[in-house]
Amino acid sequence: MSARTVRAEAPTGSAAPPAGHSRGFTLLIALSASVGGLLYGYDTGIIGSALLHLKGPMGIADDTFVQSAVTAITLLGAILGALLTGPVSDRMGRRPTTMLVAVLFIVFAVGCGVAPDLTVLLVMRFLLGLAVGGASQIVPVYIAELAPPAVRGAQTSLFQVMICVGTLLAYLSGHVLGPSHAWRWMLALAAVPALLFLIGMAFLPESPRWLLSRGREAQARAVLARVRSSADEVDTEMDDIRGTLHTEQGSWRELFQPAVRPAVVAGVGVALFSQITGISAIIYYAPSLLELSGFGESASTLGSVGVGVVLTVFTVLGIYLVERWGRRKLVVIGLPGAVVALAVMALMLPWSSGSPEVLGGGGQTVVITCLLAYFAFNGGSLSVVAWLYFAEIFPLRVRGKGTSLTALVLWITNFLVTLLLYFAADRLGVGLVFGVLALFNVLAWVFALRRMAETKGRTLEEIETSLLDGTFAAHGRPVRTR
């Protein structure tokens, strides 16, 4: 919608607060919305521990492919959720869509916990994936559209931190509840934070960019007045947003126009490599992979807790560095460490479905150390950048569709890698699988070096302008300011 056709609309309720009304309000928004990331992390991570205990009662103890299907089917649902959520949020608004995602988390987490048989469990896991995929698309966009440019990277990356926190909580739940084989409780417990997520979102504002795209100028200004430090910032941002608005949301065809193509290439590439490098699938299967490497059940779940701790710590460190080093530089520096860690594990572990017991205590120490190093270097770089990057690089007219596309690519890749990784490790050898993942990390490093544009310190409107004037991405060179 152009500036000439924007329809002024009086805000409901009291008058808008003065600019800078609450310094911590954007942080509160980011923290509250990023609980969606915690649910994403818990619901995808808990299956690794639950699988150790449910495979017997569900009659799949000797079928690693069906075990992989129980794990991966949530990701299949996430593909559909990611595809639908962008257009839904463009129509309904960012906040109502986020609340709908919270309801899905509640309903289907409980459904997984009470599933009476394998068929119902698979259906509930698939439907839970709708919420997981939806959260992956809408939460980063919602946070990015409300965050000040100077801290947009850090605040949007809270989503990734909360994914790690959710994963850590899943591993802790699995280790604590494992001795009692309470896998139903492991799966159903996610409904508690999901309810808190729903309640918290009820008190947060709508995205000012979405409001202005609907002609609700007064409401958009009122929201900006609460999340910016001065009236001048509010006026400037209102003008910037108007400058990027058109009569209607862009079509899917517009997403693939030449001007937008560099953003699509960068976003799809980051989405693909964020998963094909293995981090999500290893999270889902960490206890089982450690068992294949010769660890006992208790040691496997405890080692997974270590993975969760390291992933969380280095994700926080990555968020600290992403605004200081930039998105591209962080990935280029971090991935070589992941390559080395995977290569060492590949050399130490069998390249066939042989006996894990040949690995002695010292060898197991090296393996777990390298596994933790892999999560530090990959989880603290590429995984930190991915969701932030998707929310930044697309023009407003097609931002919902662009983030849906990248999330779709991410979830399809995640589904395929997850479906195949544990099965391949069991049939072909853990060492071979880690060797292939080391190669994919090398390819990801080359892509980041050549195709990622830097978005550090730029407003969303400046990034959009760089696409239109052809200065977005040239071997990682920074975008040009207007």
Protein backbone atom coordinates (compact mmCIF):
# COMPACT_ATOMS: atom_id res chain seq x y z
CA MET A 1 0.00 0.00 0.00
CA SER A 2 1.49 3.36 -0.98
CA ALA A 3 1.83 6.30 1.40
CA ARG A 4 -0.93 8.17 -0.49
CA THR A 5 -3.48 5.42 0.14
CA VAL A 6 -2.70 4.62 3.74
CA ARG A 7 -5.90 4.92 5.75
CA ALA A 8 -5.58 6.54 9.16
CA GLU A 9 -7.32 4.63 11.89
CA ALA A 10 -7.73 5.68 15.48
CA PRO A 11 -6.12 3.32 17.93
CA THR A 12 -8.37 1.45 20.23
CA GLY A 13 -8.09 2.02 23.96
CA SER A 14 -5.97 4.76 25.48
CA ALA A 15 -3.75 7.19 23.64
CA ALA A 16 -0.40 5.97 22.37
CA PRO A 17 2.38 6.17 24.93
CA PRO A 18 5.29 8.48 24.20
CA ALA A 19 8.27 7.10 22.30
CA GLY A 20 10.63 5.25 24.57
CA HIS A 21 7.78 4.36 26.94
CA SER A 22 9.44 1.07 27.89
CA ARG A 23 13.12 0.40 27.21
CA GLY A 24 12.79 -3.27 28.00
CA PHE A 25 9.57 -3.82 26.08
CA THR A 26 11.19 -5.16 22.91
CA LEU A 27 13.26 -7.57 24.98
CA LEU A 28 10.10 -8.74 26.74
CA ILE A 29 8.44 -9.24 23.35
CA ALA A 30 11.40 -11.23 22.05
CA LEU A 31 11.63 -13.40 25.16
CA SER A 32 7.90 -14.12 25.23
CA ALA A 33 7.65 -14.94 21.54
CA SER A 34 10.80 -17.05 21.57
CA VAL A 35 9.09 -19.55 23.90
CA GLY A 36 7.86 -20.90 20.58
CA GLY A 37 11.48 -21.88 19.97
CA LEU A 38 11.62 -23.70 23.31
CA LEU A 39 8.60 -25.76 22.24
CA TYR A 40 10.20 -26.45 18.88
CA GLY A 41 13.38 -27.66 20.63
CA TYR A 42 11.58 -29.76 23.24
CA ASP A 43 9.10 -31.44 20.91
CA THR A 44 11.74 -32.37 18.34
CA GLY A 45 14.42 -33.24 20.91
CA ILE A 46 12.41 -35.34 23.35
CA ILE A 47 11.75 -38.11 20.85
CA GLY A 48 15.41 -39.14 21.03
CA SER A 49 15.06 -40.12 24.70
CA ALA A 50 11.44 -41.29 24.44
CA LEU A 51 12.37 -43.60 21.57
CA LEU A 52 14.64 -45.63 23.84
CA HIS A 53 11.58 -46.57 25.92
CA LEU A 54 8.60 -46.55 23.54
CA LYS A 55 10.06 -48.82 20.88
CA GLY A 56 9.41 -51.88 23.05
CA PRO A 57 5.75 -51.15 23.93
CA MET A 58 5.08 -50.02 20.36
CA GLY A 59 6.61 -53.22 18.92
CA ILE A 60 9.32 -51.55 16.84
CA ALA A 61 12.43 -52.47 18.81
CA ASP A 62 13.99 -54.35 15.87
CA ASP A 63 12.93 -51.98 13.09
CA THR A 64 15.26 -48.98 12.86
CA PHE A 65 13.44 -47.59 9.81
CA VAL A 66 10.11 -47.39 11.65
CA GLN A 67 11.93 -45.81 14.60
CA SER A 68 13.30 -43.25 12.14
CA ALA A 69 9.78 -42.69 10.80
CA VAL A 70 8.44 -41.96 14.30
CA THR A 71 11.15 -39.35 14.66
CA ALA A 72 10.94 -37.86 11.17
CA ILE A 73 7.16 -37.67 10.76
CA THR A 74 7.02 -34.54 12.92
CA LEU A 75 9.31 -32.91 10.38
CA LEU A 76 6.96 -33.94 7.58
CA GLY A 77 4.20 -32.07 9.40
CA ALA A 78 6.57 -29.15 9.86
CA ILE A 79 6.96 -28.89 6.10
CA LEU A 80 3.23 -28.29 5.74
CA GLY A 81 3.17 -25.95 8.74
CA ALA A 82 6.04 -23.86 7.36
CA LEU A 83 4.39 -23.64 3.93
CA LEU A 84 1.01 -22.51 5.29
CA THR A 85 2.03 -20.18 8.08
CA GLY A 86 3.52 -17.38 5.96
CA PRO A 87 0.38 -16.75 3.87
CA VAL A 88 -1.81 -17.18 6.97
CA SER A 89 0.23 -14.58 8.88
CA ASP A 90 0.04 -12.18 5.92
CA ARG A 91 -3.76 -12.44 6.08
CA MET A 92 -4.50 -12.82 9.81
CA GLY A 93 -1.58 -10.94 11.31
CA ARG A 94 1.63 -12.10 13.00
CA ARG A 95 0.28 -12.21 16.57
CA PRO A 96 -2.97 -14.20 15.96
CA THR A 97 -1.03 -16.70 13.87
CA THR A 98 1.51 -17.16 16.66
CA MET A 99 -1.30 -17.78 19.14
CA LEU A 100 -2.81 -20.39 16.81
CA VAL A 101 0.56 -22.15 16.74
CA ALA A 102 0.56 -22.20 20.56
CA VAL A 103 -2.85 -23.92 20.59
CA LEU A 104 -1.58 -26.60 18.20
CA PHE A 105 1.41 -27.23 20.47
CA ILE A 106 -0.88 -27.79 23.46
CA VAL A 107 -3.37 -30.09 21.77
CA PHE A 108 -0.95 -32.38 19.95
CA ALA A 109 1.69 -32.64 22.68
CA VAL A 110 -1.03 -34.10 24.90
CA GLY A 111 -2.18 -36.25 21.99
CA CYS A 112 1.30 -37.78 21.68
CA GLY A 113 1.39 -38.51 25.40
CA VAL A 114 -1.90 -40.42 25.42
CA ALA A 115 -1.53 -42.19 22.05
CA PRO A 116 -2.79 -45.78 22.53
CA ASP A 117 -0.91 -47.33 19.59
CA LEU A 118 1.69 -46.68 16.92
CA THR A 119 -0.78 -45.39 14.32
CA VAL A 120 -2.21 -42.72 16.65
CA LEU A 121 1.27 -41.76 17.79
CA LEU A 122 2.37 -41.24 14.19
CA VAL A 123 -0.71 -39.09 13.47
CA MET A 124 -0.19 -36.98 16.59
CA ARG A 125 3.53 -36.55 15.84
CA PHE A 126 2.65 -35.41 12.32
CA LEU A 127 0.08 -32.89 13.54
CA LEU A 128 2.51 -31.63 16.19
CA GLY A 129 4.82 -30.90 13.28
CA LEU A 130 2.32 -28.30 12.02
CA ALA A 131 3.06 -26.29 15.16
CA VAL A 132 6.80 -26.85 14.94
CA GLY A 133 6.94 -25.69 11.32
CA GLY A 134 4.59 -22.81 12.04
CA ALA A 135 6.73 -21.59 14.93
CA SER A 136 9.86 -21.79 12.79
CA GLN A 137 8.31 -19.40 10.27
CA ILE A 138 6.25 -16.92 12.28
CA VAL A 139 8.24 -16.35 15.48
CA PRO A 140 11.47 -14.98 13.88
CA VAL A 141 9.42 -12.74 11.57
CA TYR A 142 7.34 -11.41 14.45
CA ILE A 143 10.41 -10.61 16.55
CA ALA A 144 12.36 -9.11 13.63
CA GLU A 145 9.50 -6.77 12.68
CA LEU A 146 9.33 -5.32 16.20
CA ALA A 147 13.02 -5.25 17.16
CA PRO A 148 15.16 -2.08 16.79
CA PRO A 149 17.71 -2.49 13.95
CA ALA A 150 20.72 -2.27 16.30
CA VAL A 151 19.62 -5.34 18.29
CA ARG A 152 17.47 -7.12 15.72
CA GLY A 153 20.05 -9.86 15.27
CA ALA A 154 20.40 -10.56 18.97
CA GLN A 155 16.67 -10.45 19.68
CA THR A 156 15.66 -12.56 16.69
CA SER A 157 18.36 -15.08 17.56
CA LEU A 158 16.72 -15.61 20.95
CA PHE A 159 14.47 -17.98 19.00
CA GLN A 160 17.51 -20.14 18.29
CA VAL A 161 18.65 -19.91 21.93
CA MET A 162 15.26 -21.12 23.08
CA ILE A 163 15.38 -24.03 20.63
CA CYS A 164 18.59 -25.05 22.40
CA VAL A 165 17.04 -24.53 25.83
CA GLY A 166 14.09 -26.68 24.76
CA THR A 167 16.48 -29.36 23.51
CA LEU A 168 18.37 -29.27 26.82
CA LEU A 169 15.12 -29.58 28.77
CA ALA A 170 14.15 -32.53 26.57
CA TYR A 171 17.45 -34.29 27.32
CA LEU A 172 17.10 -33.55 31.04
CA SER A 173 13.54 -34.88 31.02
CA GLY A 174 14.70 -37.99 29.21
CA HIS A 175 17.52 -38.60 31.70
CA VAL A 176 15.31 -38.00 34.78
CA LEU A 177 12.24 -39.91 33.54
CA GLY A 178 14.21 -42.61 31.73
CA PRO A 179 14.69 -44.98 34.69
CA SER A 180 10.90 -45.16 35.14
CA HIS A 181 10.35 -45.55 31.35
CA ALA A 182 7.82 -42.68 31.52
CA TRP A 183 7.96 -41.85 27.83
CA ARG A 184 4.33 -40.66 27.79
CA TRP A 185 5.13 -37.98 30.34
CA MET A 186 8.20 -36.99 28.34
CA LEU A 187 6.01 -36.27 25.30
CA ALA A 188 3.05 -34.64 27.08
CA LEU A 189 5.02 -32.26 29.32
CA ALA A 190 5.46 -29.84 26.39
CA ALA A 191 1.84 -28.74 26.88
CA VAL A 192 2.82 -26.77 30.02
CA PRO A 193 5.20 -24.24 28.38
CA ALA A 194 2.86 -24.17 25.37
CA LEU A 195 0.06 -22.88 27.62
CA LEU A 196 2.39 -20.20 29.02
CA PHE A 197 3.33 -19.28 25.44
CA LEU A 198 -0.33 -18.79 24.53
CA ILE A 199 -1.02 -16.63 27.59
CA GLY A 200 2.08 -14.50 27.02
CA MET A 201 1.28 -13.80 23.37
CA ALA A 202 -2.20 -12.58 24.35
CA PHE A 203 -0.60 -9.50 25.94
CA LEU A 204 1.83 -8.60 23.14
CA PRO A 205 1.21 -6.12 20.27
CA GLU A 206 0.77 -6.79 16.58
CA SER A 207 3.63 -6.12 14.15
CA PRO A 208 3.63 -2.43 13.13
CA ARG A 209 4.69 -3.41 9.62
CA TRP A 210 1.67 -5.70 9.25
CA LEU A 211 -0.64 -3.04 10.71
CA LEU A 212 0.63 -0.41 8.29
CA SER A 213 0.29 -2.82 5.37
CA ARG A 214 -3.41 -3.01 6.32
CA GLY A 215 -3.82 0.77 6.48
CA ARG A 216 -3.99 0.88 10.29
CA GLU A 217 -1.54 3.74 10.59
CA ALA A 218 -2.48 5.02 14.02
CA GLN A 219 -2.19 1.56 15.57
CA ALA A 220 1.15 0.99 13.86
CA ARG A 221 2.46 4.29 15.22
CA ALA A 222 1.23 3.45 18.71
CA VAL A 223 3.13 0.15 18.66
CA LEU A 224 6.31 1.78 17.32
CA ALA A 225 6.06 4.42 20.05
CA ARG A 226 6.40 1.63 22.62
CA VAL A 227 9.36 -0.10 20.97
CA ARG A 228 11.52 2.83 19.77
CA SER A 229 13.50 5.29 21.85
CA SER A 230 12.43 8.58 20.24
CA ALA A 231 9.67 10.18 18.22
CA ASP A 232 12.16 10.82 15.41
CA GLU A 233 12.88 7.08 15.18
CA VAL A 234 9.15 6.40 14.99
CA ASP A 235 8.65 8.94 12.19
CA THR A 236 11.67 7.67 10.25
CA GLU A 237 10.60 4.06 10.50
CA MET A 238 7.02 4.85 9.56
CA ASP A 239 8.32 6.56 6.41
CA ASP A 240 10.66 3.64 5.66
CA ILE A 241 7.86 1.12 6.01
CA ARG A 242 5.53 3.16 3.80
CA GLY A 243 8.25 3.29 1.18
CA THR A 244 8.23 -0.50 0.92
CA LEU A 245 4.44 -0.98 0.97
CA HIS A 246 2.36 -1.55 -2.14
CA THR A 247 -1.29 -2.13 -2.85
CA GLU A 248 -1.24 -5.82 -1.93
CA GLN A 249 1.02 -8.62 -0.83
CA GLY A 250 3.34 -9.90 -3.55
CA SER A 251 2.63 -13.19 -5.29
CA TRP A 252 4.73 -16.34 -5.24
CA ARG A 253 5.77 -15.46 -8.79
CA GLU A 254 7.10 -12.12 -7.60
CA LEU A 255 9.34 -13.95 -5.12
CA PHE A 256 11.30 -15.34 -8.08
CA GLN A 257 11.73 -12.08 -9.98
CA PRO A 258 15.36 -11.18 -10.86
CA ALA A 259 15.56 -8.43 -8.23
CA VAL A 260 14.60 -10.81 -5.41
CA ARG A 261 16.51 -13.81 -6.73
CA PRO A 262 19.78 -13.13 -4.80
CA ALA A 263 17.82 -13.25 -1.53
CA VAL A 264 16.11 -16.50 -2.58
CA VAL A 265 19.45 -18.11 -3.46
CA ALA A 266 21.04 -16.99 -0.19
CA GLY A 267 18.04 -18.00 1.92
CA VAL A 268 17.48 -21.38 0.28
CA GLY A 269 21.20 -22.17 0.48
CA VAL A 270 21.42 -21.35 4.17
CA ALA A 271 18.25 -23.38 4.80
CA LEU A 272 19.62 -26.40 2.93
CA PHE A 273 23.06 -26.38 4.54
CA SER A 274 21.75 -25.68 8.03
CA GLN A 275 20.20 -29.17 7.93
CA ILE A 276 22.32 -31.23 5.54
CA THR A 277 25.32 -30.51 7.78
CA GLY A 278 23.56 -32.76 10.29
CA ILE A 279 22.97 -30.79 13.46
CA SER A 280 19.21 -31.27 13.80
CA ALA A 281 19.23 -34.98 12.98
CA ILE A 282 22.07 -35.60 15.43
CA ILE A 283 20.07 -33.77 18.10
CA TYR A 284 17.10 -36.06 17.50
CA TYR A 285 19.21 -39.22 17.59
CA ALA A 286 21.99 -38.27 20.04
CA PRO A 287 21.13 -40.97 22.64
CA SER A 288 20.73 -43.67 19.97
CA LEU A 289 23.91 -42.65 18.12
CA LEU A 290 25.86 -42.78 21.35
CA GLU A 291 24.45 -46.26 21.96
CA LEU A 292 25.66 -47.30 18.50
CA SER A 293 29.08 -45.90 19.44
CA GLY A 294 29.29 -48.18 22.49
CA PHE A 295 27.83 -46.06 25.28
CA GLY A 296 25.33 -47.56 27.74
CA GLU A 297 21.75 -46.27 28.00
CA SER A 298 22.34 -44.07 31.05
CA ALA A 299 25.65 -42.78 29.66
CA SER A 300 23.93 -42.05 26.33
CA THR A 301 21.20 -39.90 27.88
CA LEU A 302 23.69 -38.17 30.18
CA GLY A 303 26.00 -37.50 27.22
CA SER A 304 23.01 -36.01 25.42
CA VAL A 305 22.52 -33.60 28.34
CA GLY A 306 26.12 -32.50 27.74
CA VAL A 307 25.25 -31.91 24.09
CA GLY A 308 22.30 -29.74 25.17
CA VAL A 309 24.46 -27.69 27.53
CA VAL A 310 27.19 -27.07 24.96
CA LEU A 311 24.67 -26.23 22.25
CA THR A 312 22.94 -23.70 24.50
CA VAL A 313 26.18 -22.05 25.68
CA PHE A 314 27.64 -21.69 22.20
CA THR A 315 24.36 -20.50 20.75
CA VAL A 316 24.37 -17.68 23.31
CA LEU A 317 27.99 -16.94 22.38
CA GLY A 318 27.03 -16.96 18.71
CA ILE A 319 24.28 -14.44 19.35
CA TYR A 320 26.81 -12.22 21.12
CA LEU A 321 29.10 -12.44 18.09
CA VAL A 322 26.50 -12.20 15.31
CA GLU A 323 26.09 -8.43 15.78
CA ARG A 324 29.84 -7.88 16.24
CA TRP A 325 31.27 -10.10 13.51
CA GLY A 326 28.26 -10.25 11.19
CA ARG A 327 26.22 -13.18 9.89
CA ARG A 328 28.54 -14.32 7.10
CA LYS A 329 31.80 -13.96 9.04
CA LEU A 330 30.46 -15.98 11.97
CA VAL A 331 29.57 -18.88 9.65
CA VAL A 332 32.90 -18.72 7.79
CA ILE A 333 34.86 -18.80 11.06
CA GLY A 334 32.76 -21.47 12.80
CA LEU A 335 32.29 -24.22 10.21
CA PRO A 336 35.95 -25.33 9.86
CA GLY A 337 35.92 -26.41 13.52
CA ALA A 338 32.83 -28.51 12.84
CA VAL A 339 34.58 -30.15 9.87
CA VAL A 340 37.58 -31.15 12.00
CA ALA A 341 35.39 -32.55 14.80
CA LEU A 342 33.31 -34.66 12.39
CA ALA A 343 36.42 -35.88 10.56
CA VAL A 344 38.00 -37.13 13.80
CA MET A 345 34.81 -38.98 14.75
CA ALA A 346 34.64 -40.47 11.25
CA LEU A 347 38.17 -41.83 11.62
CA MET A 348 37.53 -43.31 15.06
CA LEU A 349 34.14 -44.94 14.53
CA PRO A 350 33.37 -47.97 12.32
CA TRP A 351 32.55 -47.60 8.62
CA SER A 352 30.32 -50.65 8.76
CA SER A 353 27.60 -52.02 11.02
CA GLY A 354 30.30 -53.58 13.18
CA SER A 355 30.78 -53.89 16.91
CA PRO A 356 30.82 -50.62 18.88
CA GLU A 357 32.52 -52.32 21.81
CA VAL A 358 35.91 -52.15 20.04
CA LEU A 359 36.02 -48.49 21.07
CA GLY A 360 37.69 -48.30 24.48
CA GLY A 361 37.12 -45.80 27.27
CA GLY A 362 39.74 -43.38 25.93
CA GLY A 363 38.22 -43.57 22.47
CA GLN A 364 34.78 -42.87 23.85
CA THR A 365 36.17 -39.77 25.59
CA VAL A 366 37.55 -38.51 22.27
CA VAL A 367 34.24 -39.22 20.51
CA ILE A 368 32.11 -37.37 23.05
CA THR A 369 34.60 -34.47 23.06
CA CYS A 370 34.44 -34.20 19.28
CA LEU A 371 30.65 -34.46 19.34
CA LEU A 372 30.49 -31.56 21.78
CA ALA A 373 32.98 -29.60 19.63
CA TYR A 374 30.81 -30.16 16.56
CA PHE A 375 27.79 -28.72 18.36
CA ALA A 376 29.90 -25.78 19.56
CA PHE A 377 31.21 -24.84 16.11
CA ASN A 378 28.17 -25.60 13.94
CA GLY A 379 25.54 -24.75 16.56
CA GLY A 380 27.32 -21.50 17.44
CA SER A 381 27.57 -20.30 13.84
CA LEU A 382 25.35 -21.59 11.00
CA SER A 383 22.50 -22.63 13.30
CA VAL A 384 22.53 -19.22 15.02
CA VAL A 385 22.41 -17.35 11.74
CA ALA A 386 19.77 -19.35 9.84
CA TRP A 387 16.43 -18.18 11.27
CA LEU A 388 17.67 -14.61 11.75
CA TYR A 389 18.84 -14.48 8.15
CA PHE A 390 15.52 -15.71 6.73
CA ALA A 391 13.63 -12.99 8.62
CA GLU A 392 15.93 -10.24 7.31
CA ILE A 393 16.60 -10.74 3.63
CA PHE A 394 13.20 -10.68 1.87
CA PRO A 395 11.23 -7.56 0.83
CA LEU A 396 8.13 -6.82 2.90
CA ARG A 397 5.75 -7.59 0.02
CA VAL A 398 6.97 -11.19 -0.13
CA ARG A 399 8.50 -11.60 3.34
CA GLY A 400 5.85 -14.06 4.51
CA LYS A 401 6.19 -16.15 1.36
CA GLY A 402 9.98 -15.88 1.35
CA THR A 403 10.35 -17.07 4.92
CA SER A 404 7.84 -19.83 4.20
CA LEU A 405 9.93 -20.97 1.25
CA THR A 406 13.17 -21.07 3.23
CA ALA A 407 11.46 -22.80 6.13
CA LEU A 408 9.95 -25.29 3.65
CA VAL A 409 13.39 -26.10 2.20
CA LEU A 410 14.81 -26.39 5.71
CA TRP A 411 12.09 -28.78 6.86
CA ILE A 412 12.20 -30.95 3.73
CA THR A 413 15.97 -31.30 4.12
CA ASN A 414 15.58 -31.91 7.85
CA PHE A 415 12.96 -34.60 7.20
CA LEU A 416 15.07 -36.44 4.64
CA VAL A 417 18.28 -36.30 6.69
CA THR A 418 16.43 -37.40 9.83
CA LEU A 419 14.65 -40.25 8.03
CA LEU A 420 17.94 -41.60 6.68
CA LEU A 421 20.64 -40.76 9.23
CA TYR A 422 19.95 -43.26 12.03
CA PHE A 423 18.99 -45.99 9.58
CA ALA A 424 22.24 -45.39 7.65
CA ALA A 425 24.31 -45.28 10.83
CA ASP A 426 22.83 -48.61 11.95
CA ARG A 427 23.25 -50.33 8.57
CA LEU A 428 26.41 -48.69 7.17
CA GLY A 429 28.33 -47.51 10.22
CA VAL A 430 28.42 -44.38 12.36
CA GLY A 431 31.88 -43.41 11.09
CA LEU A 432 30.76 -43.35 7.46
CA VAL A 433 27.80 -41.13 8.32
CA PHE A 434 30.00 -38.64 10.18
CA GLY A 435 32.44 -38.62 7.25
CA VAL A 436 29.67 -37.65 4.83
CA LEU A 437 28.49 -34.92 7.21
CA ALA A 438 32.05 -33.53 7.36
CA LEU A 439 31.95 -33.15 3.57
CA PHE A 440 28.62 -31.32 3.70
CA ASN A 441 30.07 -28.91 6.27
CA VAL A 442 32.89 -28.13 3.83
CA LEU A 443 30.34 -27.36 1.09
CA ALA A 444 28.39 -25.14 3.48
CA TRP A 445 31.56 -23.15 4.21
CA VAL A 446 32.16 -22.60 0.48
CA PHE A 447 28.56 -21.45 -0.01
CA ALA A 448 28.76 -18.96 2.87
CA LEU A 449 32.00 -17.57 1.50
CA ARG A 450 30.58 -17.02 -1.99
CA ARG A 451 26.84 -16.45 -1.69
CA MET A 452 25.89 -14.97 1.68
CA ALA A 453 25.36 -11.21 1.78
CA GLU A 454 26.06 -9.40 5.03
CA THR A 455 22.99 -7.88 6.75
CA LYS A 456 24.62 -6.75 9.99
CA GLY A 457 23.48 -3.31 11.21
CA ARG A 458 21.03 -2.65 8.36
CA THR A 459 17.35 -1.87 8.65
CA LEU A 460 14.97 -4.22 6.89
CA GLU A 461 14.15 -1.38 4.50
CA GLU A 462 17.83 -0.84 3.62
CA ILE A 463 18.22 -4.54 2.86
CA GLU A 464 15.16 -4.38 0.61
CA THR A 465 16.55 -1.33 -1.19
CA SER A 466 19.84 -3.15 -1.78
CA LEU A 467 17.93 -5.91 -3.57
CA LEU A 468 16.15 -3.43 -5.81
CA ASP A 469 19.33 -1.56 -6.77
CA GLY A 470 21.42 -4.71 -7.27
CA THR A 471 23.85 -4.34 -4.36
CA PHE A 472 22.55 -7.13 -2.14
CA ALA A 473 24.97 -10.00 -2.57
CA ALA A 474 28.29 -10.22 -4.30
CA HIS A 475 30.55 -12.76 -2.62
CA GLY A 476 29.55 -11.58 0.81
CA ARG A 477 30.17 -7.86 0.29
CA PRO A 478 28.11 -5.68 2.66
CA VAL A 479 24.92 -4.12 1.37
CA ARG A 480 25.19 -0.46 0.49
CA THR A 481 23.38 2.12 2.60
CA ARG A 482 21.03 4.52 0.93
